[in-house]
Structure formats: structure tokens, C-alpha cells
């Protein structure tokens, strides 16, 4: 039963990720640049990394979940920093 729930969650997550990727690819300009601000991109990366972290945790991939959670935390901090006009993070 647990395996079926994981499979359904994974299929649903894959569909969501594909939808996100398709929506974002529509905003690309020439040379692979996104038509979004650094703050918007940091926010988007935060959303995606949180979703991926949850997927990894539910699949018992602890270390991967940890690294993705760290990416989520960093992107949120960077997004807030950029929102308040404190410039780019290095």
C-alpha cells in the first residue's frame, strides 16, 4: 500500500514539475535567459527545491532531502534579501 502511495505521489509530482518546466520555458529568451528578475528566479528555485526535498524525504533519500532543503532555505533568504534591495548574493 505504501509503495502505491509513493508511486502515485511521484507521478503527481512529476506531472507538476513538467507543468512548471513548460510554463517557465515559455518565458525564456534567446541564449537561454529567463524573462524574470533574480528575486523571482530565487523564489522559484525555492519552491521547486522544497517540492523535491519532500519527494526525496518520502522516498527515504535523507541526504538528498537535506541538501535540497538547504537549497530551499538559501533561496528563500536570497529572495528576501533581493526583495529588500540589498543586492546580489555571492
N, C-alpha and C. Protein backbone atom coordinates (compact mmCIF):
# COMPACT_ATOMS: atom_id res chain seq x y z
N UNK A 1 0.82 -1.18 0.00
CA UNK A 1 0.00 0.00 0.00
C UNK A 1 0.87 1.25 0.00
N UNK A 2 1.94 1.24 0.84
CA UNK A 2 2.84 2.39 0.92
C UNK A 2 3.54 2.62 -0.43
N UNK A 3 3.93 1.54 -1.09
CA UNK A 3 4.60 1.66 -2.38
C UNK A 3 3.66 2.29 -3.42
N UNK A 4 2.40 1.92 -3.39
CA UNK A 4 1.42 2.50 -4.31
C UNK A 4 1.23 3.99 -4.03
N UNK A 5 1.19 4.36 -2.77
CA UNK A 5 1.05 5.78 -2.40
C UNK A 5 2.26 6.57 -2.89
N UNK A 6 3.46 6.00 -2.71
CA UNK A 6 4.68 6.66 -3.18
C UNK A 6 4.66 6.82 -4.70
N UNK A 7 4.22 5.76 -5.39
CA UNK A 7 4.16 5.79 -6.85
C UNK A 7 3.20 6.87 -7.32
N UNK A 8 2.02 6.96 -6.69
CA UNK A 8 1.04 7.99 -7.05
C UNK A 8 1.58 9.38 -6.75
N UNK A 9 2.24 9.55 -5.61
CA UNK A 9 2.81 10.84 -5.26
C UNK A 9 3.91 11.23 -6.24
N UNK A 10 4.73 10.25 -6.62
CA UNK A 10 5.81 10.52 -7.58
C UNK A 10 5.25 10.90 -8.95
N UNK A 11 4.23 10.21 -9.39
CA UNK A 11 3.62 10.52 -10.69
C UNK A 11 3.01 11.91 -10.66
N UNK A 12 2.34 12.24 -9.58
CA UNK A 12 1.74 13.56 -9.44
C UNK A 12 2.81 14.65 -9.40
N UNK A 13 3.87 14.40 -8.66
CA UNK A 13 4.96 15.37 -8.57
C UNK A 13 5.64 15.56 -9.93
N UNK A 14 5.83 14.45 -10.66
CA UNK A 14 6.44 14.56 -11.99
C UNK A 14 5.58 15.42 -12.91
N UNK A 15 4.25 15.20 -12.86
CA UNK A 15 3.35 16.00 -13.69
C UNK A 15 3.45 17.48 -13.33
N UNK A 16 3.50 17.78 -12.03
CA UNK A 16 3.62 19.17 -11.60
C UNK A 16 4.94 19.78 -12.05
N UNK A 17 6.03 19.02 -11.93
CA UNK A 17 7.33 19.53 -12.35
C UNK A 17 7.37 19.78 -13.86
N UNK A 18 6.76 18.89 -14.62
CA UNK A 18 6.70 19.08 -16.07
C UNK A 18 5.89 20.32 -16.40
N UNK A 19 4.77 20.51 -15.72
CA UNK A 19 3.95 21.69 -15.95
C UNK A 19 4.71 22.97 -15.61
N UNK A 20 5.46 22.94 -14.48
CA UNK A 20 6.28 24.10 -14.11
C UNK A 20 7.33 24.38 -15.18
N UNK A 21 8.01 23.33 -15.61
CA UNK A 21 9.07 23.49 -16.61
C UNK A 21 8.51 24.04 -17.92
N UNK A 22 7.37 23.55 -18.33
CA UNK A 22 6.77 24.04 -19.57
C UNK A 22 6.36 25.50 -19.44
N UNK A 23 5.80 25.85 -18.30
CA UNK A 23 5.39 27.24 -18.09
C UNK A 23 6.60 28.17 -18.08
N UNK A 24 7.68 27.74 -17.43
CA UNK A 24 8.88 28.57 -17.36
C UNK A 24 9.61 28.62 -18.70
N UNK A 25 9.60 27.53 -19.45
CA UNK A 25 10.30 27.55 -20.73
C UNK A 25 9.64 28.51 -21.70
N UNK A 26 8.35 28.77 -21.51
CA UNK A 26 7.66 29.73 -22.36
C UNK A 26 8.16 31.14 -22.12
N UNK A 27 8.81 31.39 -20.97
CA UNK A 27 9.30 32.74 -20.66
C UNK A 27 10.77 32.93 -21.02
N UNK A 28 11.39 31.91 -21.58
CA UNK A 28 12.81 32.04 -21.93
C UNK A 28 12.99 32.96 -23.13
N UNK A 29 14.10 33.67 -23.10
CA UNK A 29 14.51 34.48 -24.25
C UNK A 29 15.63 33.75 -24.98
N UNK A 30 16.19 34.41 -25.97
CA UNK A 30 17.33 33.83 -26.68
C UNK A 30 18.47 33.59 -25.70
N UNK A 31 19.35 32.68 -26.03
CA UNK A 31 20.53 32.34 -25.25
C UNK A 31 20.19 31.74 -23.89
N UNK A 32 18.99 31.21 -23.74
CA UNK A 32 18.64 30.51 -22.51
C UNK A 32 18.39 31.39 -21.30
N UNK A 33 18.24 32.67 -21.46
CA UNK A 33 17.97 33.55 -20.32
C UNK A 33 16.49 33.54 -19.99
N UNK A 34 16.19 33.68 -18.72
CA UNK A 34 14.81 33.75 -18.27
C UNK A 34 14.35 35.20 -18.27
N UNK A 35 13.10 35.37 -18.57
CA UNK A 35 12.49 36.70 -18.55
C UNK A 35 11.92 36.93 -17.15
N UNK A 36 12.80 36.93 -16.16
CA UNK A 36 12.38 37.11 -14.77
C UNK A 36 13.54 37.75 -14.01
N UNK A 37 13.20 38.38 -12.91
CA UNK A 37 14.22 39.03 -12.08
C UNK A 37 14.97 37.97 -11.27
N UNK A 38 16.16 38.30 -10.78
CA UNK A 38 16.87 37.36 -9.92
C UNK A 38 16.05 36.97 -8.68
N UNK A 39 15.28 37.90 -8.15
CA UNK A 39 14.45 37.62 -6.98
C UNK A 39 13.36 36.60 -7.33
N UNK A 40 12.74 36.76 -8.50
CA UNK A 40 11.71 35.81 -8.95
C UNK A 40 12.30 34.43 -9.18
N UNK A 41 13.49 34.38 -9.76
CA UNK A 41 14.16 33.10 -10.01
C UNK A 41 14.52 32.42 -8.70
N UNK A 42 15.06 33.19 -7.73
CA UNK A 42 15.39 32.63 -6.42
C UNK A 42 14.13 32.07 -5.75
N UNK A 43 13.04 32.79 -5.86
CA UNK A 43 11.78 32.34 -5.28
C UNK A 43 11.32 31.03 -5.94
N UNK A 44 11.40 30.97 -7.26
CA UNK A 44 11.00 29.76 -7.99
C UNK A 44 11.88 28.57 -7.61
N UNK A 45 13.18 28.78 -7.53
CA UNK A 45 14.10 27.71 -7.14
C UNK A 45 13.76 27.23 -5.74
N UNK A 46 13.38 28.16 -4.86
CA UNK A 46 12.97 27.78 -3.51
C UNK A 46 11.75 26.88 -3.51
N UNK A 47 10.78 27.21 -4.35
CA UNK A 47 9.57 26.39 -4.44
C UNK A 47 9.89 24.98 -4.94
N UNK A 48 10.65 24.93 -6.03
CA UNK A 48 10.98 23.63 -6.63
C UNK A 48 11.84 22.79 -5.70
N UNK A 49 12.84 23.41 -5.05
CA UNK A 49 13.70 22.64 -4.16
C UNK A 49 12.93 22.11 -2.95
N UNK A 50 11.93 22.87 -2.48
CA UNK A 50 11.10 22.37 -1.37
C UNK A 50 10.30 21.15 -1.81
N UNK A 51 9.74 21.20 -3.01
CA UNK A 51 8.98 20.06 -3.53
C UNK A 51 9.88 18.84 -3.72
N UNK A 52 11.06 19.08 -4.26
CA UNK A 52 11.99 17.97 -4.48
C UNK A 52 12.48 17.39 -3.15
N UNK A 53 12.70 18.25 -2.16
CA UNK A 53 13.12 17.79 -0.85
C UNK A 53 12.05 16.88 -0.24
N UNK A 54 10.79 17.27 -0.38
CA UNK A 54 9.69 16.45 0.13
C UNK A 54 9.66 15.09 -0.58
N UNK A 55 9.83 15.11 -1.89
CA UNK A 55 9.86 13.85 -2.64
C UNK A 55 10.99 12.96 -2.16
N UNK A 56 12.18 13.54 -1.98
CA UNK A 56 13.34 12.77 -1.54
C UNK A 56 13.12 12.20 -0.15
N UNK A 57 12.56 13.01 0.75
CA UNK A 57 12.31 12.54 2.11
C UNK A 57 11.32 11.38 2.11
N UNK A 58 10.25 11.50 1.31
CA UNK A 58 9.24 10.44 1.25
C UNK A 58 9.78 9.17 0.61
N UNK A 59 10.86 9.30 -0.13
CA UNK A 59 11.48 8.13 -0.77
C UNK A 59 12.67 7.62 0.01
N UNK A 60 12.80 8.10 1.25
CA UNK A 60 13.89 7.67 2.14
C UNK A 60 15.28 8.00 1.58
N UNK A 61 15.38 9.16 0.94
CA UNK A 61 16.66 9.65 0.42
C UNK A 61 17.10 10.82 1.29
N UNK A 62 17.47 10.50 2.53
CA UNK A 62 17.72 11.51 3.56
C UNK A 62 18.74 12.56 3.22
N UNK A 63 19.91 12.17 2.75
CA UNK A 63 20.95 13.15 2.46
C UNK A 63 20.55 14.06 1.31
N UNK A 64 19.95 13.50 0.29
CA UNK A 64 19.47 14.31 -0.83
C UNK A 64 18.39 15.28 -0.36
N UNK A 65 17.48 14.80 0.48
CA UNK A 65 16.44 15.67 1.04
C UNK A 65 17.06 16.81 1.82
N UNK A 66 18.11 16.53 2.58
CA UNK A 66 18.80 17.55 3.36
C UNK A 66 19.40 18.62 2.45
N UNK A 67 20.11 18.20 1.41
CA UNK A 67 20.73 19.17 0.51
C UNK A 67 19.68 20.02 -0.21
N UNK A 68 18.60 19.40 -0.62
CA UNK A 68 17.53 20.15 -1.27
C UNK A 68 16.87 21.13 -0.30
N UNK A 69 16.73 20.72 0.96
CA UNK A 69 16.18 21.63 1.97
C UNK A 69 17.13 22.81 2.20
N UNK A 70 18.43 22.55 2.16
CA UNK A 70 19.42 23.64 2.29
C UNK A 70 19.29 24.61 1.12
N UNK A 71 19.10 24.09 -0.09
CA UNK A 71 18.90 24.94 -1.27
C UNK A 71 17.63 25.77 -1.11
N UNK A 72 16.58 25.15 -0.58
CA UNK A 72 15.34 25.87 -0.33
C UNK A 72 15.55 27.02 0.67
N UNK A 73 16.23 26.72 1.76
CA UNK A 73 16.48 27.73 2.79
C UNK A 73 17.32 28.88 2.24
N UNK A 74 18.36 28.55 1.50
CA UNK A 74 19.23 29.58 0.92
C UNK A 74 18.48 30.44 -0.10
N UNK A 75 17.67 29.81 -0.94
CA UNK A 75 16.94 30.57 -1.96
C UNK A 75 15.91 31.50 -1.33
N UNK A 76 15.27 31.06 -0.24
CA UNK A 76 14.32 31.94 0.46
C UNK A 76 15.03 33.14 1.06
N UNK A 77 16.19 32.90 1.68
CA UNK A 77 16.96 34.00 2.27
C UNK A 77 17.41 34.97 1.18
N UNK A 78 17.89 34.44 0.08
CA UNK A 78 18.34 35.28 -1.03
C UNK A 78 17.18 36.05 -1.64
N UNK A 79 16.05 35.41 -1.80
CA UNK A 79 14.87 36.07 -2.34
C UNK A 79 14.46 37.25 -1.47
N UNK A 80 14.45 37.04 -0.14
CA UNK A 80 14.11 38.14 0.78
C UNK A 80 15.14 39.26 0.70
N UNK A 81 16.41 38.89 0.62
CA UNK A 81 17.48 39.89 0.53
C UNK A 81 17.32 40.73 -0.73
N UNK A 82 17.05 40.08 -1.85
CA UNK A 82 16.85 40.80 -3.11
C UNK A 82 15.59 41.65 -3.07
N UNK A 83 14.55 41.15 -2.42
CA UNK A 83 13.30 41.89 -2.30
C UNK A 83 13.50 43.20 -1.55
N UNK A 84 14.39 43.19 -0.57
CA UNK A 84 14.65 44.38 0.21
C UNK A 84 15.77 45.23 -0.38
N UNK A 85 16.16 44.91 -1.62
CA UNK A 85 17.12 45.73 -2.35
C UNK A 85 18.54 45.70 -1.82
N UNK A 86 18.92 44.60 -1.21
CA UNK A 86 20.26 44.50 -0.66
C UNK A 86 21.26 43.93 -1.65
N UNK A 87 20.89 43.88 -2.91
CA UNK A 87 21.82 43.46 -3.95
C UNK A 87 21.95 41.98 -4.11
N UNK A 88 22.94 41.59 -4.90
CA UNK A 88 23.17 40.18 -5.22
C UNK A 88 23.93 39.49 -4.13
N UNK A 89 23.63 38.20 -3.99
CA UNK A 89 24.29 37.33 -3.02
C UNK A 89 25.39 36.58 -3.76
N UNK A 90 26.55 36.46 -3.14
CA UNK A 90 27.64 35.73 -3.82
C UNK A 90 27.82 34.35 -3.28
